[in-house]
C-alpha atoms as a PDB file:
ATOM      1  CA  UNK A   1     155.260 162.948  75.057  1.00  0.00           C
ATOM      2  CA  UNK A   2     157.949 164.765  72.951  1.00  0.00           C
ATOM      3  CA  UNK A   3     161.933 164.973  72.526  1.00  0.00           C
ATOM      4  CA  UNK A   4     163.744 167.445  72.316  1.00  0.00           C
ATOM      5  CA  UNK A   5     166.986 166.438  69.835  1.00  0.00           C
ATOM      6  CA  UNK A   6     170.185 168.596  70.440  1.00  0.00           C
ATOM      7  CA  UNK A   7     173.061 168.243  68.358  1.00  0.00           C
ATOM      8  CA  UNK A   8     176.597 167.989  70.097  1.00  0.00           C
ATOM      9  CA  UNK A   9     179.024 170.777  69.257  1.00  0.00           C
ATOM     10  CA  UNK A  10     182.683 168.890  67.679  1.00  0.00           C
ATOM     11  CA  UNK A  11     184.843 169.212  71.409  1.00  0.00           C
ATOM     12  CA  UNK A  12     186.208 172.307  71.284  1.00  0.00           C
ATOM     13  CA  UNK A  13     190.182 171.412  72.984  1.00  0.00           C
ATOM     14  CA  UNK A  14     190.815 169.304  70.071  1.00  0.00           C
ATOM     15  CA  UNK A  15     189.452 172.082  67.663  1.00  0.00           C
ATOM     16  CA  UNK A  16     191.928 174.289  69.651  1.00  0.00           C
ATOM     17  CA  UNK A  17     194.974 171.530  69.540  1.00  0.00           C
ATOM     18  CA  UNK A  18     194.841 171.559  65.833  1.00  0.00           C
ATOM     19  CA  UNK A  19     194.835 175.120  65.177  1.00  0.00           C
ATOM     20  CA  UNK A  20     197.696 175.489  67.575  1.00  0.00           C
ATOM     21  CA  UNK A  21     199.752 172.695  65.571  1.00  0.00           C
ATOM     22  CA  UNK A  22     199.011 174.233  62.217  1.00  0.00           C
ATOM     23  CA  UNK A  23     200.250 177.811  64.072  1.00  0.00           C
ATOM     24  CA  UNK A  24     203.665 175.901  65.307  1.00  0.00           C
ATOM     25  CA  UNK A  25     204.103 174.460  61.326  1.00  0.00           C
ATOM     26  CA  UNK A  26     203.476 177.890  60.289  1.00  0.00           C
ATOM     27  CA  UNK A  27     206.358 179.567  62.563  1.00  0.00           C
ATOM     28  CA  UNK A  28     208.502 176.971  61.860  1.00  0.00           C
ATOM     29  CA  UNK A  29     208.426 177.386  58.560  1.00  0.00           C
ATOM     30  CA  UNK A  30     208.386 181.071  58.480  1.00  0.00           C
ATOM     31  CA  UNK A  31     211.400 180.477  60.724  1.00  0.00           C
ATOM     32  CA  UNK A  32     213.457 178.206  58.633  1.00  0.00           C
ATOM     33  CA  UNK A  33     212.814 180.313  55.884  1.00  0.00           C
ATOM     34  CA  UNK A  34     214.816 183.214  56.897  1.00  0.00           C
ATOM     35  CA  UNK A  35     217.764 184.369  54.849  1.00  0.00           C
ATOM     36  CA  UNK A  36     220.416 183.737  57.824  1.00  0.00           C
ATOM     37  CA  UNK A  37     219.033 180.166  58.634  1.00  0.00           C
ATOM     38  CA  UNK A  38     221.695 178.391  56.786  1.00  0.00           C
ATOM     39  CA  UNK A  39     224.379 180.730  58.486  1.00  0.00           C
ATOM     40  CA  UNK A  40     223.058 180.219  61.542  1.00  0.00           C
ATOM     41  CA  UNK A  41     223.179 176.769  61.393  1.00  0.00           C
ATOM     42  CA  UNK A  42     226.636 177.009  59.748  1.00  0.00           C
ATOM     43  CA  UNK A  43     228.165 178.762  62.641  1.00  0.00           C
ATOM     44  CA  UNK A  44     226.343 176.118  65.480  1.00  0.00           C
ATOM     45  CA  UNK A  45     228.299 173.541  62.840  1.00  0.00           C
ATOM     46  CA  UNK A  46     232.186 175.589  63.337  1.00  0.00           C
ATOM     47  CA  UNK A  47     231.511 176.196  66.973  1.00  0.00           C
ATOM     48  CA  UNK A  48     231.099 172.631  67.721  1.00  0.00           C
ATOM     49  CA  UNK A  49     233.891 171.729  65.907  1.00  0.00           C
ATOM     50  CA  UNK A  50     236.953 173.972  67.246  1.00  0.00           C
ATOM     51  CA  UNK A  51     234.873 173.588  70.226  1.00  0.00           C
ATOM     52  CA  UNK A  52     235.792 169.950  70.832  1.00  0.00           C
ATOM     53  CA  UNK A  53     239.096 169.804  68.940  1.00  0.00           C
ATOM     54  CA  UNK A  54     240.635 172.775  70.124  1.00  0.00           C
ATOM     55  CA  UNK A  55     241.155 173.145  73.422  1.00  0.00           C
ATOM     56  CA  UNK A  56     242.270 176.999  74.030  1.00  0.00           C
ATOM     57  CA  UNK A  57     238.833 177.903  71.732  1.00  0.00           C
ATOM     58  CA  UNK A  58     237.076 177.118  74.742  1.00  0.00           C
ATOM     59  CA  UNK A  59     238.855 180.068  77.114  1.00  0.00           C
ATOM     60  CA  UNK A  60     236.766 183.281  77.337  1.00  0.00           C
ATOM     61  CA  UNK A  61     239.804 184.862  75.851  1.00  0.00           C
ATOM     62  CA  UNK A  62     240.030 183.409  72.597  1.00  0.00           C
ATOM     63  CA  UNK A  63     236.659 183.535  72.293  1.00  0.00           C
ATOM     64  CA  UNK A  64     237.315 187.850  72.735  1.00  0.00           C
ATOM     65  CA  UNK A  65     240.005 187.046  70.058  1.00  0.00           C
ATOM     66  CA  UNK A  66     237.587 185.096  67.437  1.00  0.00           C
ATOM     67  CA  UNK A  67     235.053 188.511  68.160  1.00  0.00           C
ATOM     68  CA  UNK A  68     237.574 190.833  67.287  1.00  0.00           C
ATOM     69  CA  UNK A  69     238.931 189.037  64.342  1.00  0.00           C
ATOM     70  CA  UNK A  70     235.493 188.690  63.119  1.00  0.00           C
ATOM     71  CA  UNK A  71     234.389 192.640  64.279  1.00  0.00           C
ATOM     72  CA  UNK A  72     237.254 193.639  61.630  1.00  0.00           C
ATOM     73  CA  UNK A  73     235.474 191.688  58.656  1.00  0.00           C
ATOM     74  CA  UNK A  74     232.250 192.652  60.426  1.00  0.00           C
ATOM     75  CA  UNK A  75     231.798 196.495  60.306  1.00  0.00           C
ATOM     76  CA  UNK A  76     232.536 196.359  56.904  1.00  0.00           C
ATOM     77  CA  UNK A  77     230.220 193.460  56.036  1.00  0.00           C
ATOM     78  CA  UNK A  78     227.097 195.198  57.337  1.00  0.00           C
ATOM     79  CA  UNK A  79     227.546 198.164  54.539  1.00  0.00           C
ATOM     80  CA  UNK A  80     228.136 195.738  51.992  1.00  0.00           C
ATOM     81  CA  UNK A  81     225.220 193.858  53.069  1.00  0.00           C
ATOM     82  CA  UNK A  82     222.984 196.818  52.877  1.00  0.00           C
ATOM     83  CA  UNK A  83     224.489 197.420  49.264  1.00  0.00           C
ATOM     84  CA  UNK A  84     224.156 193.906  48.182  1.00  0.00           C
ATOM     85  CA  UNK A  85     220.256 193.955  49.182  1.00  0.00           C
ATOM     86  CA  UNK A  86     219.895 196.894  47.554  1.00  0.00           C
ATOM     87  CA  UNK A  87     221.483 195.161  43.973  1.00  0.00           C
ATOM     88  CA  UNK A  88     225.115 196.121  44.048  1.00  0.00           C
ATOM     89  CA  UNK A  89     228.314 195.248  45.215  1.00  0.00           C
ATOM     90  CA  UNK A  90     231.484 197.343  45.510  1.00  0.00           C
ATOM     91  CA  UNK A  91     234.750 196.123  44.334  1.00  0.00           C
ATOM     92  CA  UNK A  92     236.784 199.087  46.295  1.00  0.00           C
ATOM     93  CA  UNK A  93     235.519 198.631  49.563  1.00  0.00           C
ATOM     94  CA  UNK A  94     238.945 196.895  50.672  1.00  0.00           C
ATOM     95  CA  UNK A  95     241.376 199.184  49.404  1.00  0.00           C
ATOM     96  CA  UNK A  96     239.105 202.397  50.334  1.00  0.00           C
ATOM     97  CA  UNK A  97     239.306 201.390  54.186  1.00  0.00           C
ATOM     98  CA  UNK A  98     243.412 201.479  53.887  1.00  0.00           C
ATOM     99  CA  UNK A  99     242.834 205.259  51.212  1.00  0.00           C
ATOM    100  CA  UNK A 100     240.957 206.687  54.679  1.00  0.00           C
ATOM    101  CA  UNK A 101     243.813 205.398  57.124  1.00  0.00           C
ATOM    102  CA  UNK A 102     246.752 206.369  54.605  1.00  0.00           C
ATOM    103  CA  UNK A 103     244.644 209.826  53.983  1.00  0.00           C
ATOM    104  CA  UNK A 104     244.079 210.543  58.131  1.00  0.00           C
ATOM    105  CA  UNK A 105     247.693 209.628  58.607  1.00  0.00           C
ATOM    106  CA  UNK A 106     248.987 211.613  55.657  1.00  0.00           C
ATOM    107  CA  UNK A 107     247.322 214.936  56.343  1.00  0.00           C
ATOM    108  CA  UNK A 108     247.708 214.924  60.069  1.00  0.00           C
ATOM    109  CA  UNK A 109     251.398 214.334  60.046  1.00  0.00           C
ATOM    110  CA  UNK A 110     252.336 216.585  56.750  1.00  0.00           C
ATOM    111  CA  UNK A 111     250.013 219.394  57.878  1.00  0.00           C
ATOM    112  CA  UNK A 112     250.680 218.892  61.406  1.00  0.00           C
ATOM    113  CA  UNK A 113     246.867 218.913  62.311  1.00  0.00           C
ATOM    114  CA  UNK A 114     245.212 217.311  65.414  1.00  0.00           C
ATOM    115  CA  UNK A 115     244.510 213.405  64.305  1.00  0.00           C
ATOM    116  CA  UNK A 116     240.901 214.190  64.446  1.00  0.00           C
ATOM    117  CA  UNK A 117     240.997 216.929  61.984  1.00  0.00           C
ATOM    118  CA  UNK A 118     242.697 214.127  59.733  1.00  0.00           C
ATOM    119  CA  UNK A 119     240.226 211.625  60.054  1.00  0.00           C
ATOM    120  CA  UNK A 120     237.852 214.113  59.634  1.00  0.00           C
ATOM    121  CA  UNK A 121     239.064 215.130  56.483  1.00  0.00           C
ATOM    122  CA  UNK A 122     239.431 211.288  55.656  1.00  0.00           C
ATOM    123  CA  UNK A 123     235.721 210.802  56.047  1.00  0.00           C
ATOM    124  CA  UNK A 124     235.084 213.595  53.633  1.00  0.00           C
ATOM    125  CA  UNK A 125     236.959 211.550  50.983  1.00  0.00           C
ATOM    126  CA  UNK A 126     235.464 207.968  51.649  1.00  0.00           C
ATOM    127  CA  UNK A 127     232.112 209.531  51.343  1.00  0.00           C
ATOM    128  CA  UNK A 128     232.940 211.252  48.472  1.00  0.00           C
ATOM    129  CA  UNK A 129     234.727 208.315  46.719  1.00  0.00           C
ATOM    130  CA  UNK A 130     231.185 206.642  47.284  1.00  0.00           C
ATOM    131  CA  UNK A 131     229.591 209.260  46.055  1.00  0.00           C
ATOM    132  CA  UNK A 132     231.544 209.127  42.627  1.00  0.00           C
ATOM    133  CA  UNK A 133     230.722 204.937  42.498  1.00  0.00           C
ATOM    134  CA  UNK A 134     226.871 205.539  43.065  1.00  0.00           C
ATOM    135  CA  UNK A 135     226.669 208.527  40.714  1.00  0.00           C
ATOM    136  CA  UNK A 136     228.932 207.103  37.636  1.00  0.00           C
ATOM    137  CA  UNK A 137     226.659 203.798  38.073  1.00  0.00           C
ATOM    138  CA  UNK A 138     223.106 205.616  38.100  1.00  0.00           C
ATOM    139  CA  UNK A 139     224.357 207.878  35.312  1.00  0.00           C
ATOM    140  CA  UNK A 140     226.236 205.734  33.050  1.00  0.00           C
ATOM    141  CA  UNK A 141     223.712 202.408  34.067  1.00  0.00           C
ATOM    142  CA  UNK A 142     227.228 200.420  34.005  1.00  0.00           C
ATOM    143  CA  UNK A 143     227.143 197.161  36.247  1.00  0.00           C
ATOM    144  CA  UNK A 144     228.834 197.899  39.759  1.00  0.00           C
ATOM    145  CA  UNK A 145     231.303 195.745  38.950  1.00  0.00           C
ATOM    146  CA  UNK A 146     232.730 197.402  36.262  1.00  0.00           C
ATOM    147  CA  UNK A 147     232.480 200.615  38.296  1.00  0.00           C
ATOM    148  CA  UNK A 148     233.536 199.769  41.429  1.00  0.00           C
ATOM    149  CA  UNK A 149     236.750 196.777  39.654  1.00  0.00           C
ATOM    150  CA  UNK A 150     237.852 200.464  37.855  1.00  0.00           C
ATOM    151  CA  UNK A 151     237.877 202.442  41.391  1.00  0.00           C
ATOM    152  CA  UNK A 152     239.396 199.395  42.859  1.00  0.00           C
ATOM    153  CA  UNK A 153     242.294 199.781  40.450  1.00  0.00           C
ATOM    154  CA  UNK A 154     242.502 203.708  40.816  1.00  0.00           C
ATOM    155  CA  UNK A 155     242.535 203.448  44.428  1.00  0.00           C
ATOM    156  CA  UNK A 156     245.529 200.532  44.649  1.00  0.00           C
ATOM    157  CA  UNK A 157     247.881 202.691  42.683  1.00  0.00           C
ATOM    158  CA  UNK A 158     247.080 205.943  44.375  1.00  0.00           C
ATOM    159  CA  UNK A 159     247.822 204.230  47.915  1.00  0.00           C
ATOM    160  CA  UNK A 160     250.822 203.202  46.756  1.00  0.00           C
ATOM    161  CA  UNK A 161     252.392 206.029  44.770  1.00  0.00           C
ATOM    162  CA  UNK A 162     251.048 208.949  46.951  1.00  0.00           C
ATOM    163  CA  UNK A 163     252.406 207.507  49.957  1.00  0.00           C
ATOM    164  CA  UNK A 164     256.028 206.889  48.144  1.00  0.00           C
ATOM    165  CA  UNK A 165     255.493 210.565  46.523  1.00  0.00           C
ATOM    166  CA  UNK A 166     254.951 212.002  49.891  1.00  0.00           C
ATOM    167  CA  UNK A 167     256.584 210.057  52.495  1.00  0.00           C
ATOM    168  CA  UNK A 168     259.489 208.538  50.443  1.00  0.00           C
ATOM    169  CA  UNK A 169     258.273 204.675  51.790  1.00  0.00           C
ATOM    170  CA  UNK A 170     255.135 202.791  51.350  1.00  0.00           C
ATOM    171  CA  UNK A 171     254.099 203.628  54.870  1.00  0.00           C
ATOM    172  CA  UNK A 172     253.216 206.998  56.584  1.00  0.00           C
ATOM    173  CA  UNK A 173     255.264 208.399  59.162  1.00  0.00           C
ATOM    174  CA  UNK A 174     254.344 207.535  62.887  1.00  0.00           C
ATOM    175  CA  UNK A 175     250.729 209.618  64.018  1.00  0.00           C
ATOM    176  CA  UNK A 176     251.099 208.226  67.929  1.00  0.00           C
ATOM    177  CA  UNK A 177     253.010 211.354  69.450  1.00  0.00           C
ATOM    178  CA  UNK A 178     250.447 213.868  67.766  1.00  0.00           C
ATOM    179  CA  UNK A 179     247.443 216.083  69.175  1.00  0.00           C
ATOM    180  CA  UNK A 180     244.339 213.977  69.117  1.00  0.00           C
ATOM    181  CA  UNK A 181     245.782 210.634  68.955  1.00  0.00           C
ATOM    182  CA  UNK A 182     245.036 209.237  72.611  1.00  0.00           C
ATOM    183  CA  UNK A 183     241.481 209.947  72.565  1.00  0.00           C
ATOM    184  CA  UNK A 184     241.161 208.628  68.956  1.00  0.00           C
ATOM    185  CA  UNK A 185     242.120 205.348  69.923  1.00  0.00           C
ATOM    186  CA  UNK A 186     240.325 205.289  72.676  1.00  0.00           C
ATOM    187  CA  UNK A 187     236.809 205.537  70.278  1.00  0.00           C
ATOM    188  CA  UNK A 188     238.384 203.341  67.640  1.00  0.00           C
ATOM    189  CA  UNK A 189     240.633 200.975  68.550  1.00  0.00           C
ATOM    190  CA  UNK A 190     240.747 200.179  72.699  1.00  0.00           C
ATOM    191  CA  UNK A 191     239.683 197.916  75.043  1.00  0.00           C
ATOM    192  CA  UNK A 192     236.693 197.547  77.463  1.00  0.00           C
ATOM    193  CA  UNK A 193     237.002 195.189  80.555  1.00  0.00           C
ATOM    194  CA  UNK A 194     234.911 192.601  81.696  1.00  0.00           C
ATOM    195  CA  UNK A 195     233.802 192.711  85.034  1.00  0.00           C
ATOM    196  CA  UNK A 196     233.840 189.176  86.332  1.00  0.00           C
ATOM    197  CA  UNK A 197     235.472 187.701  83.503  1.00  0.00           C
ATOM    198  CA  UNK A 198     238.766 188.812  83.423  1.00  0.00           C
ATOM    199  CA  UNK A 199     239.103 189.283  80.169  1.00  0.00           C
ATOM    200  CA  UNK A 200     238.725 192.976  77.976  1.00  0.00           C
ATOM    201  CA  UNK A 201     236.379 192.848  74.603  1.00  0.00           C
ATOM    202  CA  UNK A 202     238.062 195.276  72.051  1.00  0.00           C
ATOM    203  CA  UNK A 203     235.946 198.284  71.408  1.00  0.00           C
ATOM    204  CA  UNK A 204     235.842 197.209  67.540  1.00  0.00           C
ATOM    205  CA  UNK A 205     233.302 194.227  68.421  1.00  0.00           C
ATOM    206  CA  UNK A 206     230.727 196.837  70.476  1.00  0.00           C
ATOM    207  CA  UNK A 207     230.884 199.330  67.432  1.00  0.00           C
ATOM    208  CA  UNK A 208     230.432 196.190  65.352  1.00  0.00           C
ATOM    209  CA  UNK A 209     227.350 195.288  66.802  1.00  0.00           C
ATOM    210  CA  UNK A 210     225.669 198.514  67.471  1.00  0.00           C
ATOM    211  CA  UNK A 211     226.167 199.372  63.192  1.00  0.00           C
ATOM    212  CA  UNK A 212     224.310 195.531  62.957  1.00  0.00           C
ATOM    213  CA  UNK A 213     221.788 197.353  65.440  1.00  0.00           C
ATOM    214  CA  UNK A 214     220.992 199.985  63.911  1.00  0.00           C
ATOM    215  CA  UNK A 215     221.121 198.577  60.116  1.00  0.00           C
ATOM    216  CA  UNK A 216     218.714 196.083  61.172  1.00  0.00           C
ATOM    217  CA  UNK A 217     216.519 198.536  62.222  1.00  0.00           C
ATOM    218  CA  UNK A 218     216.923 201.211  59.414  1.00  0.00           C
ATOM    219  CA  UNK A 219     215.873 197.876  56.918  1.00  0.00           C
ATOM    220  CA  UNK A 220     213.198 196.567  59.095  1.00  0.00           C
ATOM    221  CA  UNK A 221     211.410 199.432  60.845  1.00  0.00           C
ATOM    222  CA  UNK A 222     212.004 202.755  58.261  1.00  0.00           C
ATOM    223  CA  UNK A 223     210.839 203.629  54.689  1.00  0.00           C
ATOM    224  CA  UNK A 224     214.378 203.366  53.615  1.00  0.00           C
ATOM    225  CA  UNK A 225     214.362 199.851  54.834  1.00  0.00           C
ATOM    226  CA  UNK A 226     211.441 199.498  52.209  1.00  0.00           C
ATOM    227  CA  UNK A 227     213.059 201.066  49.491  1.00  0.00           C
ATOM    228  CA  UNK A 228     216.670 199.420  49.581  1.00  0.00           C
ATOM    229  CA  UNK A 229     214.499 196.142  49.402  1.00  0.00           C
ATOM    230  CA  UNK A 230     212.374 197.392  46.414  1.00  0.00           C
ATOM    231  CA  UNK A 231     215.138 199.003  44.530  1.00  0.00           C
ATOM    232  CA  UNK A 232     217.218 195.476  45.371  1.00  0.00           C
ATOM    233  CA  UNK A 233     214.145 193.598  44.214  1.00  0.00           C
ATOM    234  CA  UNK A 234     213.594 195.463  40.699  1.00  0.00           C
ATOM    235  CA  UNK A 235     214.743 198.654  40.557  1.00  0.00           C
ATOM    236  CA  UNK A 236     212.177 199.845  37.572  1.00  0.00           C
ATOM    237  CA  UNK A 237     209.227 198.653  39.488  1.00  0.00           C
ATOM    238  CA  UNK A 238     210.607 200.652  42.479  1.00  0.00           C
ATOM    239  CA  UNK A 239     211.017 203.312  40.482  1.00  0.00           C
ATOM    240  CA  UNK A 240     207.309 203.549  38.776  1.00  0.00           C
ATOM    241  CA  UNK A 241     205.587 203.606  42.496  1.00  0.00           C
ATOM    242  CA  UNK A 242     208.150 206.526  43.740  1.00  0.00           C
ATOM    243  CA  UNK A 243     211.184 205.373  45.262  1.00  0.00           C
ATOM    244  CA  UNK A 244     214.089 207.719  44.585  1.00  0.00           C
ATOM    245  CA  UNK A 245     216.523 204.825  42.862  1.00  0.00           C
ATOM    246  CA  UNK A 246     219.192 206.762  42.270  1.00  0.00           C
ATOM    247  CA  UNK A 247     219.236 208.623  45.720  1.00  0.00           C
ATOM    248  CA  UNK A 248     218.909 204.808  47.173  1.00  0.00           C
ATOM    249  CA  UNK A 249     221.862 203.689  45.217  1.00  0.00           C
ATOM    250  CA  UNK A 250     223.924 206.856  45.914  1.00  0.00           C
ATOM    251  CA  UNK A 251     223.274 206.527  49.699  1.00  0.00           C
ATOM    252  CA  UNK A 252     224.072 202.850  50.033  1.00  0.00           C
ATOM    253  CA  UNK A 253     227.415 203.449  48.298  1.00  0.00           C
ATOM    254  CA  UNK A 254     228.334 206.360  50.423  1.00  0.00           C
ATOM    255  CA  UNK A 255     227.326 204.302  53.494  1.00  0.00           C
ATOM    256  CA  UNK A 256     230.308 201.586  52.407  1.00  0.00           C
ATOM    257  CA  UNK A 257     232.142 204.325  52.332  1.00  0.00           C
ATOM    258  CA  UNK A 258     231.604 205.728  55.905  1.00  0.00           C
ATOM    259  CA  UNK A 259     232.206 202.270  56.979  1.00  0.00           C
ATOM    260  CA  UNK A 260     235.549 202.206  55.040  1.00  0.00           C
ATOM    261  CA  UNK A 261     235.958 205.351  57.029  1.00  0.00           C
ATOM    262  CA  UNK A 262     235.514 204.077  60.690  1.00  0.00           C
ATOM    263  CA  UNK A 263     237.507 200.744  59.824  1.00  0.00           C
ATOM    264  CA  UNK A 264     240.447 202.507  58.429  1.00  0.00           C
ATOM    265  CA  UNK A 265     240.144 204.829  61.413  1.00  0.00           C
ATOM    266  CA  UNK A 266     240.392 201.688  63.339  1.00  0.00           C
ATOM    267  CA  UNK A 267     243.536 200.067  61.502  1.00  0.00           C
ATOM    268  CA  UNK A 268     245.456 203.755  61.750  1.00  0.00           C
ATOM    269  CA  UNK A 269     244.930 203.961  65.503  1.00  0.00           C
ATOM    270  CA  UNK A 270     245.794 200.248  66.374  1.00  0.00           C
ATOM    271  CA  UNK A 271     249.521 200.992  65.468  1.00  0.00           C
ATOM    272  CA  UNK A 272     250.219 204.593  64.393  1.00  0.00           C
ATOM    273  CA  UNK A 273     250.972 203.663  61.404  1.00  0.00           C
ATOM    274  CA  UNK A 274     249.511 202.609  58.037  1.00  0.00           C
ATOM    275  CA  UNK A 275     251.016 200.392  55.349  1.00  0.00           C
ATOM    276  CA  UNK A 276     250.077 201.262  51.775  1.00  0.00           C
ATOM    277  CA  UNK A 277     249.900 198.061  49.973  1.00  0.00           C
ATOM    278  CA  UNK A 278     247.600 196.605  52.510  1.00  0.00           C
ATOM    279  CA  UNK A 279     243.702 195.513  51.547  1.00  0.00           C
ATOM    280  CA  UNK A 280     243.804 194.150  48.460  1.00  0.00           C
ATOM    281  CA  UNK A 281     241.445 190.979  48.278  1.00  0.00           C
ATOM    282  CA  UNK A 282     239.342 192.292  51.810  1.00  0.00           C
ATOM    283  CA  UNK A 283     236.369 193.579  49.779  1.00  0.00           C
ATOM    284  CA  UNK A 284     235.957 189.883  49.135  1.00  0.00           C
ATOM    285  CA  UNK A 285     235.934 188.573  52.482  1.00  0.00           C
ATOM    286  CA  UNK A 286     233.194 191.451  53.258  1.00  0.00           C
ATOM    287  CA  UNK A 287     231.165 189.976  50.290  1.00  0.00           C
ATOM    288  CA  UNK A 288     231.505 186.386  51.794  1.00  0.00           C
ATOM    289  CA  UNK A 289     230.176 187.512  55.079  1.00  0.00           C
ATOM    290  CA  UNK A 290     227.293 188.864  53.297  1.00  0.00           C
ATOM    291  CA  UNK A 291     226.733 186.133  50.889  1.00  0.00           C
ATOM    292  CA  UNK A 292     226.932 183.201  53.878  1.00  0.00           C
ATOM    293  CA  UNK A 293     224.348 185.246  55.443  1.00  0.00           C
ATOM    294  CA  UNK A 294     221.669 185.219  52.779  1.00  0.00           C
ATOM    295  CA  UNK A 295     222.725 187.974  51.031  1.00  0.00           C
ATOM    296  CA  UNK A 296     222.196 187.481  47.030  1.00  0.00           C
ATOM    297  CA  UNK A 297     224.444 188.854  44.836  1.00  0.00           C
ATOM    298  CA  UNK A 298     221.091 190.018  42.313  1.00  0.00           C
ATOM    299  CA  UNK A 299     219.464 191.938  45.441  1.00  0.00           C
ATOM    300  CA  UNK A 300     216.177 192.409  47.184  1.00  0.00           C
ATOM    301  CA  UNK A 301     217.258 189.535  49.536  1.00  0.00           C
ATOM    302  CA  UNK A 302     219.349 189.150  52.633  1.00  0.00           C
ATOM    303  CA  UNK A 303     219.493 190.670  56.429  1.00  0.00           C
ATOM    304  CA  UNK A 304     222.050 192.279  57.882  1.00  0.00           C
ATOM    305  CA  UNK A 305     221.709 190.011  60.864  1.00  0.00           C
ATOM    306  CA  UNK A 306     223.117 187.207  58.363  1.00  0.00           C
ATOM    307  CA  UNK A 307     225.867 189.203  57.454  1.00  0.00           C
ATOM    308  CA  UNK A 308     227.153 189.488  60.973  1.00  0.00           C
ATOM    309  CA  UNK A 309     226.775 185.320  61.368  1.00  0.00           C
ATOM    310  CA  UNK A 310     228.914 185.501  58.313  1.00  0.00           C
ATOM    311  CA  UNK A 311     231.616 187.262  59.300  1.00  0.00           C
ATOM    312  CA  UNK A 312     231.679 185.515  62.941  1.00  0.00           C
ATOM    313  CA  UNK A 313     231.896 182.273  61.107  1.00  0.00           C
ATOM    314  CA  UNK A 314     234.535 183.289  59.457  1.00  0.00           C
ATOM    315  CA  UNK A 315     236.403 184.784  62.578  1.00  0.00           C
ATOM    316  CA  UNK A 316     236.218 181.042  64.262  1.00  0.00           C
ATOM    317  CA  UNK A 317     237.420 179.823  61.023  1.00  0.00           C
ATOM    318  CA  UNK A 318     240.414 181.927  61.411  1.00  0.00           C
ATOM    319  CA  UNK A 319     240.818 181.438  65.293  1.00  0.00           C
ATOM    320  CA  UNK A 320     239.806 178.088  65.576  1.00  0.00           C
ATOM    321  CA  UNK A 321     242.314 176.872  62.735  1.00  0.00           C
ATOM    322  CA  UNK A 322     245.157 178.215  64.606  1.00  0.00           C
ATOM    323  CA  UNK A 323     243.799 177.477  67.965  1.00  0.00           C
ATOM    324  CA  UNK A 324     244.101 173.638  66.816  1.00  0.00           C
ATOM    325  CA  UNK A 325     247.201 173.352  65.408  1.00  0.00           C
ATOM    326  CA  UNK A 326     246.060 172.866  62.238  1.00  0.00           C
ATOM    327  CA  UNK A 327     248.217 174.694  58.787  1.00  0.00           C
ATOM    328  CA  UNK A 328     246.751 178.644  58.030  1.00  0.00           C
ATOM    329  CA  UNK A 329     246.665 177.868  54.178  1.00  0.00           C
ATOM    330  CA  UNK A 330     243.579 176.179  55.207  1.00  0.00           C
ATOM    331  CA  UNK A 331     241.982 179.067  56.018  1.00  0.00           C
ATOM    332  CA  UNK A 332     240.742 180.494  52.519  1.00  0.00           C
ATOM    333  CA  UNK A 333     239.743 176.621  51.408  1.00  0.00           C
ATOM    334  CA  UNK A 334     237.210 176.320  54.287  1.00  0.00           C
ATOM    335  CA  UNK A 335     235.552 179.695  53.594  1.00  0.00           C
ATOM    336  CA  UNK A 336     235.815 179.347  49.580  1.00  0.00           C
ATOM    337  CA  UNK A 337     233.666 176.085  50.573  1.00  0.00           C
ATOM    338  CA  UNK A 338     231.941 178.035  53.426  1.00  0.00           C
ATOM    339  CA  UNK A 339     231.012 180.433  50.722  1.00  0.00           C
ATOM    340  CA  UNK A 340     229.714 177.395  47.830  1.00  0.00           C
ATOM    341  CA  UNK A 341     227.498 175.811  50.192  1.00  0.00           C
ATOM    342  CA  UNK A 342     226.175 178.712  51.433  1.00  0.00           C
ATOM    343  CA  UNK A 343     225.431 179.831  48.160  1.00  0.00           C
ATOM    344  CA  UNK A 344     223.344 176.040  47.595  1.00  0.00           C
ATOM    345  CA  UNK A 345     221.838 176.663  51.253  1.00  0.00           C
ATOM    346  CA  UNK A 346     220.305 179.661  50.522  1.00  0.00           C
ATOM    347  CA  UNK A 347     219.277 178.769  46.881  1.00  0.00           C
ATOM    348  CA  UNK A 348     217.399 175.198  48.441  1.00  0.00           C
ATOM    349  CA  UNK A 349     215.417 177.880  50.991  1.00  0.00           C
ATOM    350  CA  UNK A 350     214.304 180.004  48.848  1.00  0.00           C
ATOM    351  CA  UNK A 351     212.849 177.562  46.345  1.00  0.00           C
ATOM    352  CA  UNK A 352     211.613 175.423  48.930  1.00  0.00           C
ATOM    353  CA  UNK A 353     209.565 178.897  50.373  1.00  0.00           C
ATOM    354  CA  UNK A 354     208.222 179.809  46.962  1.00  0.00           C
ATOM    355  CA  UNK A 355     206.895 176.323  46.761  1.00  0.00           C
ATOM    356  CA  UNK A 356     204.757 176.510  49.808  1.00  0.00           C
END
């Protein structure tokens, strides 16, 4: 009698479970290596701290205030993050916001224009400033630090000098009673009630989230997004494969100019008047939000989502300290500490990712 021997196959469920575990580990590693992971963990910690120590922080109205404070920095941080991913940064961004606001106010009042016409002319100027920054950069090959620092100093002087020359004071005349102001205020500086909560959210928060979503889509889903990462990673290599490096860089500076205009319109429509000496130092907050969110000063790395989280951390810190009853002078200390910690964490994450 003959016997037939059959070999048993390994149990399929065990292999399946092993594959599942490997897949889970790979997903976790990819998730933890995301540029914005450090800022997300930081945001959770900051929220938990102020939620526990400051009772007003737990109220819905306080959350709306936090989101508003975050959006003021966050709108500009979207454009600055795109620019930093592209390998550059803009030190003139803070005063460019004020330049746009002053331009719209002065032209509207002095020439008796509809506020929307003044806003349109201010937009043209803001885009021109961005174009000039980018053009000088690509033509001279100078570092963006020097180019935009020069523009920062020039705009700072022009903002005050031209305002005093035209109005005789350091602020603009009020445009609240001029044609178009009411509708412009609705677009740039109104509040939207939230049904069921009894609170309102400032429209800048909605614009901030919309701009962030659009910028993220551009980065992740379009050819332009690939160009931005390529130019920031290695401009010469990008140029060698046909990427229009000069146009990308100029376009990014003009994008910052657009967001500077939008932020300036919000400031102007909120009060109808603009002080000429404001804006100095805000450019560092925009850069801080982007860096805390995972962007590198060397370019080619980072996300807009990270910059959104970085701005949110700033907003929570700024308002949380007030709600906790602490000295306001601690705000910038915590901002600086978070910036340093974020740089260290981002460097560690990149090193761990490259090792794997």
